[in-house]
Amino acid sequence: MDTLASGKARQYHLVLPEIHPSALAIIREILDAHLRLWEKTELGFLIALGVTELLTNVHKHTRGDCELLVRDMPDGVLVAVTDFDAGLPAIKEPGETEESGRGLFLLSTLADELSVQPLRLGKRIRFLVREGLPLDGPC
C-alpha cells in the first residue's frame, strides 16, 4: 500500500546530538536509498547538495545538535534542518572576497523554495526541490 494514499507521510527524520563532517557521507547514502524507494532519484544531486550545505553550516556555526527531516511530497522533496542556535543566516549574493555564504546562496538559486524560520529555541531552514527541474535530466 502506498503510504501517501494511506495518509501517512513518507519521510526520514534524524536527530543528531552532534553533527560531524565524517557523518555526511553516511547521511547522503541513507537519503539516496530513500529517494530510490520514493522513485525520485533524479533529485538526488540537489538533495545531497542542500543537506550537505545545511548540516555543514550547523557544524561550523552552532553547537552542532540538530534535526533533519526529509519528506516525500507529491511533486518533489522537502528538506528541513532545525538547529538550536538563534543566529539567522543571511541569504544574499556574497562578494568576491567574502569567505562564507556561498553555499546557502547557491542553494537559494537551485531549490524551488528556500526559507529560514526563527523558532523560540533556534531556527529551521527548509528547502523544496520539485521534480522536473532543468538540472534533473542529462545535459
N, C-alpha and C. Protein backbone atom coordinates (compact mmCIF):
# COMPACT_ATOMS: atom_id res chain seq x y z
N MET A 1 0.85 -1.19 0.00
CA MET A 1 0.00 0.00 0.00
C MET A 1 0.89 1.24 0.00
N ASP A 2 0.56 2.18 -0.83
CA ASP A 2 1.29 3.44 -0.91
C ASP A 2 1.02 4.25 0.36
N THR A 3 2.09 4.69 1.02
CA THR A 3 1.90 5.43 2.27
C THR A 3 1.27 6.78 2.05
N LEU A 4 1.43 7.38 0.87
CA LEU A 4 0.76 8.65 0.61
C LEU A 4 -0.75 8.45 0.51
N ALA A 5 -1.17 7.36 -0.12
CA ALA A 5 -2.60 7.08 -0.26
C ALA A 5 -3.22 6.76 1.10
N SER A 6 -2.45 6.18 2.01
CA SER A 6 -2.98 5.84 3.33
C SER A 6 -2.97 7.02 4.28
N GLY A 7 -2.45 8.17 3.84
CA GLY A 7 -2.44 9.35 4.69
C GLY A 7 -1.18 9.51 5.52
N LYS A 8 -0.28 8.55 5.46
CA LYS A 8 0.97 8.63 6.22
C LYS A 8 2.04 9.23 5.33
N ALA A 9 2.76 10.18 5.86
CA ALA A 9 3.82 10.82 5.09
C ALA A 9 5.02 9.88 4.97
N ARG A 10 5.60 9.85 3.77
CA ARG A 10 6.85 9.12 3.60
C ARG A 10 7.96 10.12 3.90
N GLN A 11 8.70 9.82 4.96
CA GLN A 11 9.72 10.76 5.37
C GLN A 11 10.84 10.05 6.11
N TYR A 12 11.95 10.76 6.23
CA TYR A 12 13.10 10.31 7.01
C TYR A 12 13.39 11.41 8.02
N HIS A 13 13.46 11.05 9.28
CA HIS A 13 13.71 12.02 10.35
C HIS A 13 14.90 11.51 11.16
N LEU A 14 15.86 12.39 11.38
CA LEU A 14 17.06 12.03 12.10
C LEU A 14 17.39 13.11 13.11
N VAL A 15 17.59 12.71 14.36
CA VAL A 15 18.02 13.63 15.41
C VAL A 15 19.52 13.41 15.58
N LEU A 16 20.26 14.49 15.44
CA LEU A 16 21.72 14.42 15.54
C LEU A 16 22.18 15.20 16.76
N PRO A 17 22.61 14.50 17.82
CA PRO A 17 23.08 15.21 19.01
C PRO A 17 24.35 16.01 18.73
N GLU A 18 25.06 15.61 17.69
CA GLU A 18 26.24 16.37 17.25
C GLU A 18 26.50 15.98 15.81
N ILE A 19 26.63 16.96 14.95
CA ILE A 19 26.93 16.65 13.55
C ILE A 19 28.42 16.85 13.32
N HIS A 20 28.99 15.91 12.63
CA HIS A 20 30.42 15.98 12.30
C HIS A 20 30.55 15.70 10.80
N PRO A 21 31.46 16.37 10.12
CA PRO A 21 31.60 16.17 8.67
C PRO A 21 31.77 14.70 8.26
N SER A 22 32.35 13.88 9.12
CA SER A 22 32.54 12.47 8.76
C SER A 22 31.22 11.72 8.63
N ALA A 23 30.14 12.24 9.19
CA ALA A 23 28.83 11.59 9.10
C ALA A 23 28.10 11.93 7.81
N LEU A 24 28.54 12.94 7.09
CA LEU A 24 27.79 13.41 5.93
C LEU A 24 27.68 12.38 4.82
N ALA A 25 28.73 11.64 4.57
CA ALA A 25 28.68 10.63 3.51
C ALA A 25 27.64 9.55 3.84
N ILE A 26 27.57 9.15 5.09
CA ILE A 26 26.60 8.13 5.51
C ILE A 26 25.18 8.67 5.37
N ILE A 27 24.98 9.91 5.79
CA ILE A 27 23.65 10.53 5.68
C ILE A 27 23.24 10.63 4.21
N ARG A 28 24.15 11.00 3.34
CA ARG A 28 23.84 11.07 1.91
C ARG A 28 23.46 9.70 1.35
N GLU A 29 24.13 8.63 1.81
CA GLU A 29 23.79 7.27 1.36
C GLU A 29 22.38 6.89 1.80
N ILE A 30 22.03 7.23 3.04
CA ILE A 30 20.69 6.93 3.56
C ILE A 30 19.64 7.70 2.75
N LEU A 31 19.90 8.97 2.48
CA LEU A 31 18.96 9.77 1.70
C LEU A 31 18.82 9.23 0.28
N ASP A 32 19.93 8.80 -0.30
CA ASP A 32 19.89 8.21 -1.63
C ASP A 32 18.99 6.98 -1.64
N ALA A 33 19.07 6.15 -0.60
CA ALA A 33 18.21 4.96 -0.50
C ALA A 33 16.74 5.36 -0.42
N HIS A 34 16.43 6.39 0.36
CA HIS A 34 15.05 6.86 0.45
C HIS A 34 14.55 7.39 -0.88
N LEU A 35 15.39 8.15 -1.57
CA LEU A 35 14.98 8.68 -2.87
C LEU A 35 14.73 7.56 -3.87
N ARG A 36 15.51 6.48 -3.79
CA ARG A 36 15.25 5.33 -4.66
C ARG A 36 13.90 4.70 -4.33
N LEU A 37 13.61 4.53 -3.03
CA LEU A 37 12.32 3.97 -2.62
C LEU A 37 11.15 4.84 -3.06
N TRP A 38 11.34 6.15 -3.03
CA TRP A 38 10.29 7.10 -3.40
C TRP A 38 10.26 7.35 -4.91
N GLU A 39 11.17 6.72 -5.65
CA GLU A 39 11.28 6.88 -7.09
C GLU A 39 11.54 8.34 -7.48
N LYS A 40 12.47 8.95 -6.75
CA LYS A 40 12.83 10.35 -7.01
C LYS A 40 14.35 10.51 -7.08
N THR A 41 15.01 9.54 -7.67
CA THR A 41 16.47 9.58 -7.74
C THR A 41 16.98 10.77 -8.55
N GLU A 42 16.16 11.28 -9.47
CA GLU A 42 16.60 12.42 -10.29
C GLU A 42 16.84 13.67 -9.44
N LEU A 43 16.31 13.68 -8.22
CA LEU A 43 16.51 14.83 -7.33
C LEU A 43 17.71 14.65 -6.41
N GLY A 44 18.39 13.52 -6.53
CA GLY A 44 19.46 13.16 -5.60
C GLY A 44 20.58 14.18 -5.49
N PHE A 45 21.04 14.71 -6.63
CA PHE A 45 22.15 15.66 -6.59
C PHE A 45 21.79 16.90 -5.77
N LEU A 46 20.62 17.49 -6.05
CA LEU A 46 20.24 18.72 -5.35
C LEU A 46 19.93 18.46 -3.87
N ILE A 47 19.31 17.32 -3.58
CA ILE A 47 19.03 16.99 -2.17
C ILE A 47 20.34 16.81 -1.42
N ALA A 48 21.27 16.07 -2.00
CA ALA A 48 22.57 15.84 -1.35
C ALA A 48 23.32 17.15 -1.16
N LEU A 49 23.31 18.00 -2.17
CA LEU A 49 23.98 19.30 -2.08
C LEU A 49 23.38 20.14 -0.95
N GLY A 50 22.06 20.22 -0.92
CA GLY A 50 21.40 21.03 0.10
C GLY A 50 21.58 20.50 1.51
N VAL A 51 21.44 19.19 1.68
CA VAL A 51 21.61 18.61 3.01
C VAL A 51 23.05 18.79 3.49
N THR A 52 24.01 18.58 2.60
CA THR A 52 25.41 18.76 2.97
C THR A 52 25.68 20.20 3.39
N GLU A 53 25.16 21.15 2.64
CA GLU A 53 25.34 22.57 2.97
C GLU A 53 24.74 22.90 4.33
N LEU A 54 23.50 22.50 4.56
CA LEU A 54 22.83 22.86 5.80
C LEU A 54 23.49 22.20 7.01
N LEU A 55 23.85 20.92 6.89
CA LEU A 55 24.48 20.25 8.03
C LEU A 55 25.90 20.76 8.27
N THR A 56 26.61 21.12 7.21
CA THR A 56 27.94 21.72 7.38
C THR A 56 27.82 23.06 8.10
N ASN A 57 26.80 23.84 7.76
CA ASN A 57 26.59 25.12 8.45
C ASN A 57 26.28 24.90 9.93
N VAL A 58 25.51 23.87 10.25
CA VAL A 58 25.24 23.57 11.66
C VAL A 58 26.55 23.26 12.36
N HIS A 59 27.38 22.44 11.73
CA HIS A 59 28.68 22.08 12.34
C HIS A 59 29.57 23.31 12.55
N LYS A 60 29.61 24.20 11.56
CA LYS A 60 30.50 25.36 11.63
C LYS A 60 29.99 26.49 12.52
N HIS A 61 28.67 26.71 12.55
CA HIS A 61 28.14 27.93 13.15
C HIS A 61 27.28 27.73 14.40
N THR A 62 27.09 26.48 14.83
CA THR A 62 26.27 26.24 16.03
C THR A 62 27.01 25.27 16.93
N ARG A 63 26.34 24.87 18.00
CA ARG A 63 26.99 23.89 18.89
C ARG A 63 26.90 22.47 18.34
N GLY A 64 26.19 22.29 17.22
CA GLY A 64 26.27 21.03 16.50
C GLY A 64 25.09 20.09 16.60
N ASP A 65 24.13 20.35 17.46
CA ASP A 65 22.97 19.45 17.54
C ASP A 65 21.87 19.97 16.64
N CYS A 66 21.18 19.03 15.97
CA CYS A 66 20.16 19.44 15.01
C CYS A 66 19.23 18.27 14.71
N GLU A 67 18.21 18.58 13.95
CA GLU A 67 17.28 17.57 13.43
C GLU A 67 17.20 17.74 11.93
N LEU A 68 17.13 16.61 11.24
CA LEU A 68 16.99 16.59 9.79
C LEU A 68 15.69 15.89 9.45
N LEU A 69 14.89 16.51 8.61
CA LEU A 69 13.66 15.91 8.12
C LEU A 69 13.67 15.97 6.60
N VAL A 70 13.45 14.85 5.96
CA VAL A 70 13.35 14.79 4.51
C VAL A 70 12.02 14.12 4.22
N ARG A 71 11.15 14.83 3.50
CA ARG A 71 9.79 14.36 3.27
C ARG A 71 9.49 14.26 1.78
N ASP A 72 8.95 13.12 1.41
CA ASP A 72 8.46 12.91 0.05
C ASP A 72 7.18 13.71 -0.13
N MET A 73 7.16 14.55 -1.15
CA MET A 73 5.99 15.37 -1.46
C MET A 73 5.44 14.90 -2.82
N PRO A 74 4.18 15.15 -3.10
CA PRO A 74 3.63 14.70 -4.38
C PRO A 74 4.42 15.18 -5.60
N ASP A 75 5.02 16.37 -5.53
CA ASP A 75 5.73 16.91 -6.69
C ASP A 75 7.22 17.13 -6.46
N GLY A 76 7.78 16.57 -5.38
CA GLY A 76 9.19 16.77 -5.11
C GLY A 76 9.59 16.26 -3.74
N VAL A 77 10.59 16.91 -3.16
CA VAL A 77 11.11 16.52 -1.84
C VAL A 77 11.34 17.79 -1.03
N LEU A 78 10.89 17.77 0.21
CA LEU A 78 11.08 18.86 1.15
C LEU A 78 12.12 18.45 2.17
N VAL A 79 13.07 19.34 2.44
CA VAL A 79 14.11 19.09 3.43
C VAL A 79 14.05 20.21 4.46
N ALA A 80 14.15 19.84 5.74
CA ALA A 80 14.20 20.84 6.82
C ALA A 80 15.29 20.45 7.80
N VAL A 81 16.11 21.42 8.16
CA VAL A 81 17.12 21.24 9.20
C VAL A 81 16.81 22.24 10.30
N THR A 82 16.65 21.73 11.51
CA THR A 82 16.37 22.56 12.67
C THR A 82 17.57 22.50 13.59
N ASP A 83 18.08 23.67 13.97
CA ASP A 83 19.14 23.71 14.98
C ASP A 83 18.68 24.61 16.12
N PHE A 84 19.46 24.67 17.14
CA PHE A 84 19.02 25.32 18.37
C PHE A 84 19.86 26.54 18.70
N ASP A 85 20.33 27.20 17.64
CA ASP A 85 21.08 28.44 17.74
C ASP A 85 20.20 29.54 17.15
N ALA A 86 20.08 30.65 17.85
CA ALA A 86 19.16 31.72 17.42
C ALA A 86 19.68 32.52 16.23
N GLY A 87 20.97 32.46 15.93
CA GLY A 87 21.52 33.25 14.83
C GLY A 87 20.93 32.83 13.49
N LEU A 88 20.44 33.81 12.75
CA LEU A 88 19.84 33.54 11.44
C LEU A 88 20.83 33.84 10.33
N PRO A 89 20.93 32.97 9.33
CA PRO A 89 21.85 33.23 8.22
C PRO A 89 21.26 34.28 7.29
N ALA A 90 22.13 35.03 6.67
CA ALA A 90 21.72 35.98 5.64
C ALA A 90 21.87 35.29 4.29
N ILE A 91 20.81 35.25 3.53
CA ILE A 91 20.87 34.64 2.20
C ILE A 91 20.99 35.76 1.19
N LYS A 92 22.22 36.00 0.76
CA LYS A 92 22.48 37.07 -0.18
C LYS A 92 23.68 36.67 -1.02
N GLU A 93 23.78 37.31 -2.17
CA GLU A 93 24.92 37.00 -3.03
C GLU A 93 26.19 37.51 -2.36
N PRO A 94 27.16 36.59 -2.11
CA PRO A 94 28.38 37.02 -1.43
C PRO A 94 29.30 37.79 -2.36
N GLY A 95 30.04 38.72 -1.78
CA GLY A 95 31.05 39.44 -2.54
C GLY A 95 32.23 38.54 -2.86
N GLU A 96 33.06 38.99 -3.78
CA GLU A 96 34.21 38.19 -4.21
C GLU A 96 35.18 37.86 -3.08
N THR A 97 35.30 38.72 -2.10
CA THR A 97 36.26 38.50 -1.03
C THR A 97 35.65 37.86 0.22
N GLU A 98 34.35 37.67 0.24
CA GLU A 98 33.71 37.07 1.41
C GLU A 98 34.06 35.59 1.51
N GLU A 99 34.32 35.15 2.73
CA GLU A 99 34.75 33.78 2.98
C GLU A 99 33.60 32.80 3.14
N SER A 100 32.39 33.29 3.42
CA SER A 100 31.28 32.37 3.64
C SER A 100 30.02 32.91 2.96
N GLY A 101 28.98 32.08 2.97
CA GLY A 101 27.71 32.49 2.40
C GLY A 101 27.44 31.98 1.00
N ARG A 102 28.44 31.40 0.37
CA ARG A 102 28.26 30.95 -1.00
C ARG A 102 27.33 29.75 -1.12
N GLY A 103 27.45 28.80 -0.21
CA GLY A 103 26.66 27.57 -0.30
C GLY A 103 25.18 27.83 -0.15
N LEU A 104 24.80 28.62 0.81
CA LEU A 104 23.38 28.91 1.03
C LEU A 104 22.83 29.75 -0.12
N PHE A 105 23.63 30.67 -0.63
CA PHE A 105 23.19 31.45 -1.80
C PHE A 105 23.00 30.53 -3.01
N LEU A 106 23.94 29.63 -3.24
CA LEU A 106 23.82 28.68 -4.34
C LEU A 106 22.55 27.83 -4.19
N LEU A 107 22.31 27.35 -2.98
CA LEU A 107 21.11 26.56 -2.73
C LEU A 107 19.85 27.37 -3.02
N SER A 108 19.88 28.66 -2.68
CA SER A 108 18.70 29.50 -2.93
C SER A 108 18.42 29.65 -4.43
N THR A 109 19.45 29.54 -5.25
CA THR A 109 19.25 29.67 -6.70
C THR A 109 18.85 28.34 -7.34
N LEU A 110 19.17 27.22 -6.71
CA LEU A 110 18.88 25.91 -7.28
C LEU A 110 17.56 25.31 -6.80
N ALA A 111 17.21 25.55 -5.56
CA ALA A 111 15.97 24.99 -5.00
C ALA A 111 14.77 25.81 -5.47
N ASP A 112 13.62 25.18 -5.51
CA ASP A 112 12.40 25.90 -5.88
C ASP A 112 11.96 26.85 -4.78
N GLU A 113 12.21 26.47 -3.55
CA GLU A 113 11.88 27.33 -2.41
C GLU A 113 12.96 27.15 -1.35
N LEU A 114 13.27 28.22 -0.66
CA LEU A 114 14.20 28.19 0.47
C LEU A 114 13.69 29.19 1.49
N SER A 115 13.60 28.75 2.74
CA SER A 115 13.12 29.67 3.78
C SER A 115 13.86 29.43 5.07
N VAL A 116 13.94 30.50 5.86
CA VAL A 116 14.51 30.45 7.21
C VAL A 116 13.41 30.86 8.17
N GLN A 117 13.13 30.00 9.13
CA GLN A 117 12.07 30.27 10.09
C GLN A 117 12.66 30.35 11.49
N PRO A 118 12.61 31.53 12.12
CA PRO A 118 13.07 31.61 13.50
C PRO A 118 12.10 30.85 14.41
N LEU A 119 12.65 30.15 15.38
CA LEU A 119 11.87 29.41 16.36
C LEU A 119 12.16 29.96 17.75
N ARG A 120 11.36 29.57 18.70
CA ARG A 120 11.60 30.04 20.07
C ARG A 120 12.99 29.62 20.56
N LEU A 121 13.41 28.44 20.17
CA LEU A 121 14.72 27.93 20.61
C LEU A 121 15.60 27.55 19.42
N GLY A 122 15.74 28.45 18.47
CA GLY A 122 16.60 28.16 17.34
C GLY A 122 16.00 28.61 16.02
N LYS A 123 16.21 27.78 14.99
CA LYS A 123 15.70 28.12 13.65
C LYS A 123 15.53 26.85 12.84
N ARG A 124 14.72 26.98 11.80
CA ARG A 124 14.53 25.89 10.84
C ARG A 124 14.78 26.46 9.45
N ILE A 125 15.63 25.78 8.72
CA ILE A 125 15.88 26.14 7.33
C ILE A 125 15.30 25.02 6.47
N ARG A 126 14.45 25.42 5.54
CA ARG A 126 13.75 24.45 4.69
C ARG A 126 14.00 24.76 3.23
N PHE A 127 14.09 23.69 2.46
CA PHE A 127 14.11 23.90 1.01
C PHE A 127 13.29 22.81 0.34
N LEU A 128 12.73 23.17 -0.79
CA LEU A 128 11.90 22.28 -1.58
C LEU A 128 12.50 22.16 -2.97
N VAL A 129 12.63 20.94 -3.43
CA VAL A 129 13.08 20.68 -4.79
C VAL A 129 11.94 19.93 -5.47
N ARG A 130 11.43 20.51 -6.51
CA ARG A 130 10.33 19.89 -7.26
C ARG A 130 10.90 19.05 -8.41
N GLU A 131 10.14 18.07 -8.81
CA GLU A 131 10.53 17.25 -9.95
C GLU A 131 10.41 18.08 -11.22
N GLY A 132 11.25 17.74 -12.20
CA GLY A 132 11.16 18.41 -13.48
C GLY A 132 12.04 19.63 -13.64
N LEU A 133 12.98 19.86 -12.72
CA LEU A 133 13.91 20.98 -12.87
C LEU A 133 14.86 20.71 -14.03
N PRO A 134 15.37 21.75 -14.66
CA PRO A 134 16.30 21.55 -15.78
C PRO A 134 17.52 20.72 -15.40
N LEU A 135 17.95 20.76 -14.12
CA LEU A 135 19.13 20.00 -13.72
C LEU A 135 18.85 18.52 -13.55
N ASP A 136 17.57 18.12 -13.61
CA ASP A 136 17.21 16.72 -13.37
C ASP A 136 17.69 15.80 -14.49
N GLY A 137 17.65 16.28 -15.71
CA GLY A 137 17.92 15.39 -16.84
C GLY A 137 19.35 15.52 -17.34
N PRO A 138 19.67 14.75 -18.35
CA PRO A 138 21.02 14.82 -18.93
C PRO A 138 21.24 16.15 -19.62
N CYS A 139 22.49 16.56 -19.68
CA CYS A 139 22.85 17.83 -20.32
C CYS A 139 22.84 17.71 -21.81
